[in-house]
Amino acid sequence: MLNLKWKNAETIRKVKCINTDAKKYLVSNVLTVGQEYEVKNETEEFIFVIDNTGNVGGYYKEYFE
């Protein structure tokens, strides 16, 4: 499974979190507004970053710029 190797994979780029206003899920406990996160993988809808827990998590692109 490739997703198990993402944490140690090369960082693609860095993105800045611009909001944590989720309609359905609670993301404010794992993302901080204004903080930059390392992107490990990306799809059309999601960005996979190392979040505040130290693990790779997938989040909608609307949280980042």
Protein backbone atom coordinates (compact mmCIF):
# COMPACT_ATOMS: atom_id res chain seq x y z
CA MET A 1 0.00 0.00 0.00
CA LEU A 2 1.53 3.24 -1.16
CA ASN A 3 -0.20 5.38 1.45
CA LEU A 4 1.90 3.73 4.18
CA LYS A 5 5.05 5.15 2.55
CA TRP A 6 3.76 8.72 2.12
CA LYS A 7 4.99 9.92 5.52
CA ASN A 8 8.61 9.28 4.54
CA ALA A 9 8.14 10.28 0.89
CA GLU A 10 9.62 13.41 -0.62
CA THR A 11 7.59 16.56 -0.04
CA ILE A 12 5.90 17.77 -3.23
CA ARG A 13 5.35 21.34 -1.99
CA LYS A 14 4.08 23.25 1.02
CA VAL A 15 0.59 24.69 1.43
CA LYS A 16 -0.83 27.14 3.93
CA CYS A 17 -4.05 26.38 5.82
CA ILE A 18 -6.57 29.22 5.31
CA ASN A 19 -9.60 27.86 7.20
CA THR A 20 -10.90 24.95 9.27
CA ASP A 21 -14.62 25.62 8.74
CA ALA A 22 -15.75 22.12 7.84
CA LYS A 23 -19.44 21.42 7.27
CA LYS A 24 -19.37 17.73 8.07
CA TYR A 25 -16.07 16.84 9.77
CA LEU A 26 -14.06 18.30 12.64
CA VAL A 27 -10.68 19.40 11.27
CA SER A 28 -9.79 22.20 13.67
CA ASN A 29 -8.10 19.73 16.02
CA VAL A 30 -5.63 18.54 13.33
CA LEU A 31 -5.14 21.69 11.20
CA THR A 32 -4.17 25.18 12.34
CA VAL A 33 -5.07 28.29 10.35
CA GLY A 34 -1.94 30.07 9.12
CA GLN A 35 0.35 27.07 9.48
CA GLU A 36 2.17 25.55 6.50
CA TYR A 37 1.93 21.81 5.84
CA GLU A 38 4.05 19.48 3.69
CA VAL A 39 2.12 17.95 0.78
CA LYS A 40 2.89 14.26 0.34
CA ASN A 41 0.30 13.42 -2.33
CA GLU A 42 -2.49 15.16 -4.20
CA THR A 43 -5.62 14.23 -6.17
CA GLU A 44 -8.23 16.36 -7.93
CA GLU A 45 -10.26 16.80 -4.74
CA PHE A 46 -7.88 16.09 -1.85
CA ILE A 47 -4.46 17.07 -0.55
CA PHE A 48 -2.61 14.62 1.67
CA VAL A 49 -0.45 16.44 4.25
CA ILE A 50 1.33 15.70 7.49
CA ASP A 51 -1.07 17.28 9.98
CA ASN A 52 -0.69 18.33 13.63
CA THR A 53 -0.84 14.70 14.80
CA GLY A 54 2.32 13.89 12.83
CA ASN A 55 0.48 11.50 10.51
CA VAL A 56 -0.59 11.85 6.88
CA GLY A 57 -4.20 12.93 6.51
CA GLY A 58 -6.32 13.67 3.46
CA TYR A 59 -8.22 16.97 3.39
CA TYR A 60 -10.31 18.88 0.87
CA LYS A 61 -8.33 21.45 -1.10
CA GLU A 62 -10.67 24.20 0.13
CA TYR A 63 -8.76 24.32 3.44
CA PHE A 64 -5.49 25.37 1.75
CA GLU A 65 -4.08 28.00 -0.60
